Amino acid sequence: MTSEMASANTSHTPFKPPKATESLKDENNYSSWSMEVKMLLRLADLDMAIDSVEGIAPQPLTKSYQHLSDKALATIMANCDSEPLSLIRISSSALSAWNTLKSHYEGRTRTH
């Protein structure tokens, strides 16, 4: 078997999103959650998906950027509880999900 055939037969290891110490619950932990998840994305070389210039993804989308965005989106979603997850469930990109959570939670605190 040639090395090309061997590499074609190997399966890819599924992406396992990095986990934050605490998932996003609501506006009360958004600030600390967003800093931690942003660092997780940076350490995984995925932060470009949420740090695009002026919040706009590159056009046209390249296959490599889409793959990066998909991994970043999986990371964001894996670190959300059900309420914030419901806000981003239909997001098609990490940037869209990140901006949705930011606009919904940033600067808000719950009063009791």
Foldseek 3Di string as FASTA:
>chain_A
DDPVVVVVPDDDDDDDADEDPAADEALVCVVVNVVRLCVSCVVVVLNCQQPPVVLDDDPPDDPVNLVSFVSSLVNNLVRHDDPLCVQCVPPSGNSVSVVSRCVRRPPDDDDD
